[in-house]
């Protein structure tokens, strides 16, 4: 279970790093105003979270890990 959790966290950060749609700036594409810290597991800032896209990332990752 720990490996699946780790893979899901990595997938979410990877999507964020690629400026994906799951987590994006809430204002005018200001990516530099969002702080993403992989070691802490936090993404901090004024963000717009698309829950459906976030769930898709998690489900796809779980399916790959199983």
Protein backbone atom coordinates (compact mmCIF):
# COMPACT_ATOMS: atom_id res chain seq x y z
CA UNK A 1 0.00 0.00 0.00
CA UNK A 2 2.87 2.36 0.81
CA UNK A 3 4.26 1.92 -2.73
CA UNK A 4 0.88 2.77 -4.29
CA UNK A 5 0.56 5.88 -2.13
CA UNK A 6 4.07 6.98 -3.07
CA UNK A 7 3.34 6.39 -6.77
CA UNK A 8 0.12 8.44 -6.57
CA UNK A 9 1.88 11.36 -4.89
CA UNK A 10 4.61 11.23 -7.55
CA UNK A 11 2.02 11.15 -10.35
CA UNK A 12 0.22 14.21 -8.94
CA UNK A 13 3.46 16.18 -8.65
CA UNK A 14 4.50 15.07 -12.16
CA UNK A 15 1.19 16.36 -13.54
CA UNK A 16 1.71 19.65 -11.71
CA UNK A 17 5.30 19.94 -12.99
CA UNK A 18 4.03 19.48 -16.55
CA UNK A 19 1.45 22.25 -16.00
CA UNK A 20 -1.36 19.71 -16.23
CA UNK A 21 -5.03 20.39 -15.63
CA UNK A 22 -5.56 18.71 -12.24
CA UNK A 23 -3.91 21.47 -10.21
CA UNK A 24 -3.39 24.84 -11.83
CA UNK A 25 -3.17 28.50 -10.86
CA UNK A 26 -6.51 30.04 -10.03
CA UNK A 27 -5.44 33.41 -11.45
CA UNK A 28 -4.08 34.17 -14.93
CA UNK A 29 -1.71 31.20 -15.22
CA UNK A 30 0.62 32.46 -12.48
CA UNK A 31 2.54 29.19 -12.04
CA UNK A 32 5.42 30.97 -10.27
CA UNK A 33 3.06 31.93 -7.43
CA UNK A 34 2.52 28.27 -6.51
CA UNK A 35 5.07 26.47 -4.35
CA UNK A 36 5.35 22.71 -4.85
CA UNK A 37 7.49 20.84 -2.34
CA UNK A 38 7.88 17.15 -3.17
CA UNK A 39 9.82 16.33 0.04
CA UNK A 40 7.02 17.78 2.16
CA UNK A 41 4.24 16.55 -0.12
CA UNK A 42 2.65 20.00 -0.29
CA UNK A 43 1.46 22.24 -3.10
CA UNK A 44 0.74 25.69 -1.68
CA UNK A 45 -0.79 28.72 -3.32
CA UNK A 46 -3.96 30.05 -4.87
CA UNK A 47 -4.88 27.01 -6.95
CA UNK A 48 -7.80 25.61 -8.90
CA UNK A 49 -8.15 21.87 -8.31
CA UNK A 50 -10.08 19.78 -10.80
CA UNK A 51 -11.17 16.90 -8.61
CA UNK A 52 -12.18 14.69 -11.55
CA UNK A 53 -8.72 15.07 -13.14
CA UNK A 54 -7.04 14.43 -9.78
CA UNK A 55 -9.09 11.26 -9.30
CA UNK A 56 -8.18 10.14 -12.84
CA UNK A 57 -4.49 10.50 -12.01
CA UNK A 58 -4.88 8.47 -8.82
CA UNK A 59 -7.00 5.72 -10.42
CA UNK A 60 -4.66 5.43 -13.43
CA UNK A 61 -1.66 5.18 -11.12
CA UNK A 62 -3.28 2.52 -8.95
CA UNK A 63 -4.19 0.50 -12.04
CA UNK A 64 -0.56 0.67 -13.23
CA UNK A 65 0.74 -0.42 -9.82
CA UNK A 66 -1.57 -3.44 -9.47
